[in-house]
Amino acid sequence: MRVNVRFKLWLEYNGKPIIGYGGANLLRLIDEYGSISRAAESLGISYKFAWNYIKKIEDRLGLKIVETHRGGTSRGGARLTDVGRELMETYFHYYNLVNEALREGRG
């Protein structure tokens, strides 16, 4: 019998979940594109959903994770704060550790 091992990983703060794979991936794409709208579009979610997700994390942490700026003739942009980058990097660090452990366990 062949079975697949799957897992869900999330980070918590003060006992409340703050970010899972989708949120970490959203932050990764914001970092890559410099844009919430481009990141949301590439994930197939609305800008409003992405923005609300970011605000929910910021409200739970009490800290900014994404800074936005408007640009005159340009469309503006977004970048991760140091806290946002640390959150993203922490998530993917543990996600990769678990994935590697599962790969090694296949023998």
N, C-alpha and C. Protein backbone atom coordinates (compact mmCIF):
# COMPACT_ATOMS: atom_id res chain seq x y z
N MET A 1 0.85 -1.18 0.00
CA MET A 1 0.00 0.00 0.00
C MET A 1 0.89 1.24 0.00
N ARG A 2 0.58 2.18 -0.84
CA ARG A 2 1.34 3.44 -0.91
C ARG A 2 0.48 4.56 -0.32
N VAL A 3 1.03 5.20 0.67
CA VAL A 3 0.32 6.32 1.29
C VAL A 3 1.18 7.57 1.16
N ASN A 4 0.55 8.69 1.17
CA ASN A 4 1.24 9.98 1.13
C ASN A 4 1.17 10.63 2.51
N VAL A 5 2.26 11.19 2.92
CA VAL A 5 2.29 11.93 4.17
C VAL A 5 2.12 13.40 3.85
N ARG A 6 1.19 14.03 4.50
CA ARG A 6 0.93 15.46 4.30
C ARG A 6 0.95 16.13 5.66
N PHE A 7 1.23 17.41 5.66
CA PHE A 7 1.23 18.14 6.92
C PHE A 7 0.81 19.58 6.69
N LYS A 8 0.31 20.17 7.75
CA LYS A 8 0.01 21.60 7.75
C LYS A 8 0.86 22.22 8.84
N LEU A 9 1.42 23.34 8.50
CA LEU A 9 2.28 24.06 9.44
C LEU A 9 1.81 25.49 9.50
N TRP A 10 1.73 26.02 10.69
CA TRP A 10 1.41 27.42 10.85
C TRP A 10 2.19 27.98 12.03
N LEU A 11 2.38 29.28 12.03
CA LEU A 11 3.03 29.96 13.14
C LEU A 11 1.96 30.63 13.98
N GLU A 12 2.16 30.59 15.29
CA GLU A 12 1.23 31.20 16.22
C GLU A 12 1.92 32.30 17.01
N TYR A 13 1.12 33.23 17.46
CA TYR A 13 1.60 34.30 18.33
C TYR A 13 0.57 34.48 19.43
N ASN A 14 1.00 34.41 20.67
CA ASN A 14 0.09 34.48 21.81
C ASN A 14 -1.06 33.47 21.69
N GLY A 15 -0.73 32.27 21.21
CA GLY A 15 -1.72 31.20 21.11
C GLY A 15 -2.68 31.31 19.95
N LYS A 16 -2.49 32.28 19.07
CA LYS A 16 -3.38 32.44 17.92
C LYS A 16 -2.59 32.26 16.64
N PRO A 17 -3.19 31.55 15.66
CA PRO A 17 -2.49 31.36 14.39
C PRO A 17 -2.32 32.69 13.66
N ILE A 18 -1.13 32.89 13.10
CA ILE A 18 -0.92 34.13 12.35
C ILE A 18 -0.60 33.89 10.89
N ILE A 19 0.06 32.77 10.57
CA ILE A 19 0.41 32.57 9.17
C ILE A 19 0.63 31.10 8.87
N GLY A 20 0.15 30.69 7.71
CA GLY A 20 0.37 29.33 7.20
C GLY A 20 1.06 29.42 5.85
N TYR A 21 1.00 28.33 5.11
CA TYR A 21 1.70 28.27 3.82
C TYR A 21 1.24 29.36 2.85
N GLY A 22 -0.07 29.52 2.73
CA GLY A 22 -0.59 30.51 1.78
C GLY A 22 -0.14 31.92 2.12
N GLY A 23 -0.17 32.27 3.39
CA GLY A 23 0.25 33.59 3.82
C GLY A 23 1.75 33.81 3.62
N ALA A 24 2.54 32.79 3.94
CA ALA A 24 3.99 32.89 3.73
C ALA A 24 4.30 33.03 2.25
N ASN A 25 3.56 32.31 1.43
CA ASN A 25 3.75 32.41 -0.02
C ASN A 25 3.34 33.79 -0.53
N LEU A 26 2.28 34.35 0.02
CA LEU A 26 1.88 35.71 -0.34
C LEU A 26 3.01 36.69 -0.01
N LEU A 27 3.59 36.57 1.18
CA LEU A 27 4.69 37.46 1.55
C LEU A 27 5.89 37.26 0.62
N ARG A 28 6.18 36.02 0.28
CA ARG A 28 7.30 35.74 -0.63
C ARG A 28 7.09 36.43 -1.97
N LEU A 29 5.86 36.38 -2.49
CA LEU A 29 5.57 37.00 -3.78
C LEU A 29 5.54 38.52 -3.70
N ILE A 30 5.08 39.08 -2.59
CA ILE A 30 5.15 40.53 -2.41
C ILE A 30 6.60 40.96 -2.42
N ASP A 31 7.44 40.18 -1.75
CA ASP A 31 8.87 40.48 -1.73
C ASP A 31 9.47 40.39 -3.14
N GLU A 32 9.05 39.39 -3.88
CA GLU A 32 9.58 39.19 -5.23
C GLU A 32 9.10 40.26 -6.21
N TYR A 33 7.81 40.57 -6.19
CA TYR A 33 7.23 41.49 -7.16
C TYR A 33 7.23 42.95 -6.71
N GLY A 34 7.32 43.19 -5.39
CA GLY A 34 7.20 44.55 -4.90
C GLY A 34 5.81 45.11 -5.05
N SER A 35 4.81 44.19 -5.06
CA SER A 35 3.43 44.60 -5.33
C SER A 35 2.46 43.60 -4.71
N ILE A 36 1.50 44.10 -3.95
CA ILE A 36 0.47 43.24 -3.40
C ILE A 36 -0.44 42.75 -4.52
N SER A 37 -0.80 43.64 -5.45
CA SER A 37 -1.73 43.25 -6.51
C SER A 37 -1.12 42.19 -7.42
N ARG A 38 0.16 42.32 -7.77
CA ARG A 38 0.80 41.30 -8.62
C ARG A 38 0.92 39.97 -7.87
N ALA A 39 1.24 40.04 -6.58
CA ALA A 39 1.34 38.82 -5.78
C ALA A 39 -0.02 38.13 -5.71
N ALA A 40 -1.06 38.91 -5.44
CA ALA A 40 -2.42 38.34 -5.35
C ALA A 40 -2.84 37.74 -6.68
N GLU A 41 -2.58 38.46 -7.76
CA GLU A 41 -2.95 37.96 -9.09
C GLU A 41 -2.25 36.64 -9.39
N SER A 42 -0.99 36.52 -9.06
CA SER A 42 -0.25 35.29 -9.36
C SER A 42 -0.76 34.11 -8.52
N LEU A 43 -1.38 34.40 -7.37
CA LEU A 43 -1.96 33.35 -6.53
C LEU A 43 -3.43 33.07 -6.87
N GLY A 44 -4.00 33.90 -7.73
CA GLY A 44 -5.40 33.73 -8.10
C GLY A 44 -6.36 34.17 -7.01
N ILE A 45 -5.93 35.15 -6.20
CA ILE A 45 -6.80 35.69 -5.17
C ILE A 45 -6.98 37.18 -5.44
N SER A 46 -7.99 37.76 -4.83
CA SER A 46 -8.24 39.18 -5.05
C SER A 46 -7.29 40.04 -4.22
N TYR A 47 -7.08 41.25 -4.68
CA TYR A 47 -6.27 42.22 -3.92
C TYR A 47 -6.88 42.41 -2.55
N LYS A 48 -8.21 42.52 -2.50
CA LYS A 48 -8.90 42.76 -1.23
C LYS A 48 -8.65 41.61 -0.25
N PHE A 49 -8.71 40.38 -0.72
CA PHE A 49 -8.46 39.23 0.14
C PHE A 49 -7.02 39.29 0.67
N ALA A 50 -6.06 39.57 -0.21
CA ALA A 50 -4.65 39.65 0.19
C ALA A 50 -4.45 40.76 1.22
N TRP A 51 -5.03 41.92 0.96
CA TRP A 51 -4.87 43.05 1.86
C TRP A 51 -5.48 42.74 3.22
N ASN A 52 -6.67 42.14 3.23
CA ASN A 52 -7.32 41.79 4.50
C ASN A 52 -6.51 40.76 5.27
N TYR A 53 -5.90 39.82 4.57
CA TYR A 53 -5.06 38.81 5.20
C TYR A 53 -3.85 39.48 5.87
N ILE A 54 -3.22 40.38 5.16
CA ILE A 54 -2.07 41.11 5.71
C ILE A 54 -2.49 41.91 6.94
N LYS A 55 -3.60 42.61 6.86
CA LYS A 55 -4.08 43.42 7.98
C LYS A 55 -4.40 42.54 9.18
N LYS A 56 -4.95 41.36 8.96
CA LYS A 56 -5.27 40.44 10.06
C LYS A 56 -3.99 40.03 10.79
N ILE A 57 -2.95 39.72 10.04
CA ILE A 57 -1.67 39.35 10.65
C ILE A 57 -1.12 40.54 11.44
N GLU A 58 -1.14 41.72 10.84
CA GLU A 58 -0.61 42.91 11.50
C GLU A 58 -1.38 43.22 12.78
N ASP A 59 -2.70 43.04 12.74
CA ASP A 59 -3.51 43.28 13.94
C ASP A 59 -3.15 42.30 15.05
N ARG A 60 -2.96 41.04 14.70
CA ARG A 60 -2.61 40.04 15.72
C ARG A 60 -1.23 40.27 16.30
N LEU A 61 -0.28 40.69 15.46
CA LEU A 61 1.08 40.94 15.94
C LEU A 61 1.23 42.31 16.60
N GLY A 62 0.40 43.25 16.15
CA GLY A 62 0.57 44.63 16.60
C GLY A 62 1.75 45.31 15.93
N LEU A 63 2.16 44.76 14.77
CA LEU A 63 3.32 45.26 14.03
C LEU A 63 3.02 45.25 12.54
N LYS A 64 3.66 46.14 11.81
CA LYS A 64 3.53 46.16 10.35
C LYS A 64 4.39 45.06 9.74
N ILE A 65 3.85 44.35 8.74
CA ILE A 65 4.63 43.35 8.03
C ILE A 65 4.84 43.75 6.57
N VAL A 66 4.01 44.67 6.08
CA VAL A 66 4.14 45.16 4.71
C VAL A 66 3.99 46.68 4.72
N GLU A 67 4.91 47.35 4.03
CA GLU A 67 4.80 48.79 3.85
C GLU A 67 4.40 49.06 2.41
N THR A 68 3.47 49.98 2.22
CA THR A 68 3.05 50.32 0.87
C THR A 68 3.39 51.78 0.61
N HIS A 69 3.54 52.09 -0.66
CA HIS A 69 3.75 53.48 -1.05
C HIS A 69 3.05 53.72 -2.38
N ARG A 70 2.57 54.92 -2.50
CA ARG A 70 1.95 55.33 -3.76
C ARG A 70 2.99 56.02 -4.60
N GLY A 71 2.87 55.82 -5.88
CA GLY A 71 3.81 56.49 -6.79
C GLY A 71 3.05 57.37 -7.74
N GLY A 72 3.48 58.58 -7.91
CA GLY A 72 2.82 59.54 -8.81
C GLY A 72 2.33 58.91 -10.09
N THR A 73 3.16 58.89 -11.12
CA THR A 73 2.73 58.31 -12.38
C THR A 73 2.90 56.79 -12.38
N SER A 74 3.74 56.29 -11.46
CA SER A 74 3.85 54.83 -11.35
C SER A 74 2.73 54.33 -10.46
N ARG A 75 2.58 53.06 -10.38
CA ARG A 75 1.46 52.48 -9.65
C ARG A 75 1.74 52.30 -8.16
N GLY A 76 2.91 52.65 -7.70
CA GLY A 76 3.22 52.46 -6.29
C GLY A 76 3.82 51.09 -6.08
N GLY A 77 3.80 50.63 -4.86
CA GLY A 77 4.37 49.33 -4.60
C GLY A 77 4.28 48.96 -3.13
N ALA A 78 4.92 47.84 -2.82
CA ALA A 78 4.90 47.33 -1.46
C ALA A 78 6.22 46.61 -1.19
N ARG A 79 6.59 46.59 0.08
CA ARG A 79 7.77 45.84 0.47
C ARG A 79 7.56 45.28 1.87
N LEU A 80 8.24 44.19 2.15
CA LEU A 80 8.15 43.60 3.48
C LEU A 80 8.95 44.44 4.46
N THR A 81 8.42 44.57 5.66
CA THR A 81 9.20 45.17 6.74
C THR A 81 10.16 44.09 7.24
N ASP A 82 11.05 44.46 8.14
CA ASP A 82 11.94 43.46 8.74
C ASP A 82 11.13 42.36 9.44
N VAL A 83 10.03 42.75 10.08
CA VAL A 83 9.17 41.77 10.75
C VAL A 83 8.52 40.85 9.73
N GLY A 84 8.05 41.40 8.63
CA GLY A 84 7.44 40.59 7.58
C GLY A 84 8.43 39.61 6.98
N ARG A 85 9.64 40.08 6.75
CA ARG A 85 10.69 39.20 6.19
C ARG A 85 11.04 38.09 7.18
N GLU A 86 11.17 38.44 8.46
CA GLU A 86 11.48 37.43 9.48
C GLU A 86 10.36 36.40 9.58
N LEU A 87 9.13 36.84 9.51
CA LEU A 87 7.99 35.94 9.57
C LEU A 87 8.01 34.96 8.40
N MET A 88 8.22 35.49 7.19
CA MET A 88 8.29 34.66 5.99
C MET A 88 9.45 33.67 6.08
N GLU A 89 10.62 34.15 6.46
CA GLU A 89 11.80 33.30 6.53
C GLU A 89 11.66 32.23 7.61
N THR A 90 11.08 32.58 8.75
CA THR A 90 10.86 31.61 9.81
C THR A 90 9.92 30.51 9.35
N TYR A 91 8.84 30.92 8.70
CA TYR A 91 7.88 29.93 8.21
C TYR A 91 8.57 28.94 7.26
N PHE A 92 9.23 29.46 6.25
CA PHE A 92 9.84 28.57 5.25
C PHE A 92 11.01 27.78 5.82
N HIS A 93 11.69 28.28 6.82
CA HIS A 93 12.74 27.51 7.48
C HIS A 93 12.15 26.22 8.06
N TYR A 94 11.09 26.36 8.84
CA TYR A 94 10.48 25.17 9.46
C TYR A 94 9.76 24.30 8.45
N TYR A 95 9.14 24.92 7.46
CA TYR A 95 8.48 24.15 6.41
C TYR A 95 9.49 23.26 5.68
N ASN A 96 10.64 23.82 5.35
CA ASN A 96 11.68 23.05 4.66
C ASN A 96 12.28 21.97 5.55
N LEU A 97 12.42 22.25 6.85
CA LEU A 97 12.92 21.23 7.78
C LEU A 97 12.00 20.02 7.82
N VAL A 98 10.70 20.26 7.91
CA VAL A 98 9.74 19.16 7.96
C VAL A 98 9.74 18.40 6.64
N ASN A 99 9.75 19.12 5.52
CA ASN A 99 9.79 18.45 4.21
C ASN A 99 11.03 17.57 4.07
N GLU A 100 12.16 18.07 4.51
CA GLU A 100 13.42 17.30 4.42
C GLU A 100 13.34 16.05 5.30
N ALA A 101 12.79 16.20 6.49
CA ALA A 101 12.65 15.06 7.39
C ALA A 101 11.74 13.99 6.78
N LEU A 102 10.69 14.43 6.13
CA LEU A 102 9.78 13.47 5.48
C LEU A 102 10.46 12.77 4.32
N ARG A 103 11.24 13.49 3.54
CA ARG A 103 11.99 12.88 2.43
C ARG A 103 12.98 11.84 2.94
N GLU A 104 13.69 12.19 4.01
CA GLU A 104 14.68 11.28 4.56
C GLU A 104 14.02 10.04 5.17
N GLY A 105 12.80 10.18 5.64
CA GLY A 105 12.09 9.07 6.25
C GLY A 105 11.56 8.06 5.26
N ARG A 106 11.63 8.36 3.98
CA ARG A 106 11.12 7.42 2.97
C ARG A 106 12.05 6.24 2.76
N GLY A 107 13.33 6.41 3.15
CA GLY A 107 14.32 5.32 3.08
C GLY A 107 14.40 4.72 1.77
